[in-house]
Protein backbone atom coordinates (compact mmCIF):
# COMPACT_ATOMS: atom_id res chain seq x y z
CA GLN A 1 9.97 -2.26 17.76
CA VAL A 2 9.05 -2.28 14.07
CA GLN A 3 7.33 0.60 12.33
CA LEU A 4 5.92 0.89 8.84
CA VAL A 5 6.40 4.40 7.50
CA GLU A 6 4.27 5.46 4.55
CA SER A 7 4.79 8.37 2.22
CA GLY A 8 3.71 9.64 -1.18
CA GLY A 9 0.05 10.50 -0.72
CA GLY A 10 -1.43 13.79 -1.83
CA LEU A 11 -3.89 15.56 -4.06
CA VAL A 12 -3.99 14.79 -7.76
CA GLN A 13 -6.39 15.38 -10.62
CA ALA A 14 -8.27 12.51 -12.22
CA GLY A 15 -6.05 10.74 -14.73
CA GLY A 16 -2.92 11.60 -12.79
CA SER A 17 -0.43 9.40 -10.97
CA LEU A 18 0.99 8.97 -7.48
CA ARG A 19 3.55 6.61 -6.02
CA LEU A 20 3.18 5.41 -2.45
CA SER A 21 6.04 4.00 -0.41
CA CYS A 22 6.03 1.89 2.75
CA ALA A 23 9.31 1.36 4.56
CA ALA A 24 9.82 -1.04 7.46
CA ARG A 25 12.03 0.45 10.16
CA GLY A 26 13.40 -1.23 13.26
CA SER A 27 15.49 -4.17 14.30
CA ALA A 28 15.13 -7.90 13.73
CA ILE A 29 12.54 -7.32 11.02
CA CYS A 30 11.03 -10.49 9.62
CA ILE A 31 8.06 -9.97 7.31
CA THR A 32 6.45 -11.94 4.53
CA THR A 33 3.50 -10.75 2.46
CA MET A 34 3.03 -6.99 2.26
CA ASN A 35 -0.27 -5.32 1.48
CA TRP A 36 -1.88 -2.03 0.59
CA TYR A 37 -5.35 -1.38 1.96
CA ARG A 38 -7.53 1.68 1.58
CA GLN A 39 -10.47 3.03 3.49
CA ASP A 40 -12.96 5.74 2.72
CA PRO A 41 -15.02 6.91 5.71
CA GLU A 42 -18.20 5.72 4.00
CA LYS A 43 -16.90 2.33 2.93
CA GLU A 44 -15.33 -0.76 4.43
CA ARG A 45 -11.58 -1.22 4.32
CA GLU A 46 -10.56 -2.70 1.00
CA LEU A 47 -7.51 -4.77 0.11
CA VAL A 48 -6.02 -3.03 -2.91
CA ALA A 49 -2.94 -5.11 -3.65
CA SER A 50 -0.61 -7.66 -2.07
CA ILE A 51 2.86 -8.92 -2.84
CA THR A 52 4.63 -11.95 -1.42
CA SER A 53 8.28 -12.03 -0.48
CA GLY A 54 8.86 -13.87 -3.75
CA GLY A 55 7.20 -11.12 -5.77
CA THR A 56 3.82 -12.68 -6.57
CA ALA A 57 1.26 -9.91 -6.79
CA TYR A 58 -2.49 -9.73 -6.29
CA TYR A 59 -4.75 -6.84 -7.28
CA ALA A 60 -8.33 -5.95 -6.55
CA ASP A 61 -10.43 -5.86 -9.71
CA SER A 62 -11.02 -2.14 -9.21
CA VAL A 63 -7.32 -1.33 -9.70
CA LYS A 64 -6.11 -3.97 -12.14
CA GLY A 65 -4.28 -2.45 -15.05
CA ARG A 66 -3.86 0.89 -13.28
CA PHE A 67 -1.88 0.10 -10.10
CA THR A 68 1.41 -1.75 -9.79
CA ILE A 69 2.76 -3.12 -6.51
CA SER A 70 6.45 -3.83 -6.02
CA ARG A 71 8.92 -4.33 -3.20
CA ASP A 72 12.61 -4.10 -2.49
CA ASN A 73 13.37 -6.81 0.04
CA GLY A 74 16.85 -5.50 0.69
CA MET A 75 15.50 -2.07 1.57
CA MET A 76 12.43 -3.49 3.35
CA THR A 77 10.29 -1.16 1.24
CA MET A 78 7.10 -1.64 -0.73
CA TYR A 79 5.69 0.63 -3.41
CA LEU A 80 2.35 1.23 -5.06
CA GLN A 81 2.46 3.00 -8.41
CA MET A 82 -1.00 4.39 -9.10
CA ASN A 83 -1.80 5.56 -12.62
CA SER A 84 -5.00 6.74 -14.27
CA LEU A 85 -6.36 7.72 -10.90
CA LYS A 86 -10.10 8.17 -10.47
CA PRO A 87 -12.09 10.11 -7.88
CA GLU A 88 -13.27 6.79 -6.45
CA ASP A 89 -9.65 6.00 -5.56
CA THR A 90 -9.84 8.71 -2.90
CA ALA A 91 -9.17 7.15 0.50
CA VAL A 92 -6.63 6.75 3.25
CA TYR A 93 -4.12 4.14 2.11
CA TYR A 94 -2.54 1.85 4.69
CA CYS A 95 0.30 -0.57 4.31
CA SER A 96 0.62 -3.74 6.32
CA ALA A 97 3.19 -6.49 6.54
CA ALA A 98 2.63 -9.99 7.85
CA ARG A 99 5.04 -11.01 10.57
CA CYS A 100 6.96 -14.24 10.14
CA GLY A 101 5.51 -17.24 11.93
CA SER A 102 1.90 -16.05 11.54
CA ARG A 103 2.28 -13.70 14.51
CA GLY A 104 -0.01 -10.99 13.22
CA ALA A 105 0.88 -7.95 11.17
CA TYR A 106 2.47 -4.55 11.35
CA TRP A 107 0.50 -1.54 10.14
CA GLY A 108 1.41 1.89 8.90
CA GLN A 109 -0.22 5.12 10.00
CA GLY A 110 -1.96 5.73 6.68
CA THR A 111 -1.51 8.31 3.95
CA GLN A 112 -4.30 10.32 2.34
CA VAL A 113 -4.86 10.10 -1.39
CA THR A 114 -7.36 12.55 -2.86
CA VAL A 115 -8.30 12.50 -6.54
CA SER A 116 -10.24 15.49 -7.81
CA SER A 117 -12.57 15.31 -10.80
C-alpha cells in the first residue's frame, strides 16, 4: 500500500509564500513523474506543475515565475514552493505520482491553500 501524504497548506496574505510537501510512504514504491494539481469548487481541476524523475519541470502559465517544483528522489518527496501568492491561487492542492509501468497514479488527500487579499 502506497500513500501520498501532503503538508504545508494554510492561510496566507496576498504576496506571501507557502511551501507544500508530498511524501510517498509505503513499500516497493516505484513512481515516475510527480504532479501538483489544484481545484477550486467553482473551477475544473488544474495541473499546476509537474516534475519528472530526472528533474525536468513543467509549470502552468498562471504560476510561472512564482512557483518552483522540486523533488528528492531518495526521500520520495516532492515540494512546491509558492511565492507571490494571489487570491486566485486559493484552492485545494493535490499531489499525484505516476506509477511505474503506466499502471495509473497515486493521489494525496489534498491540502487547503487560502490566500487573503
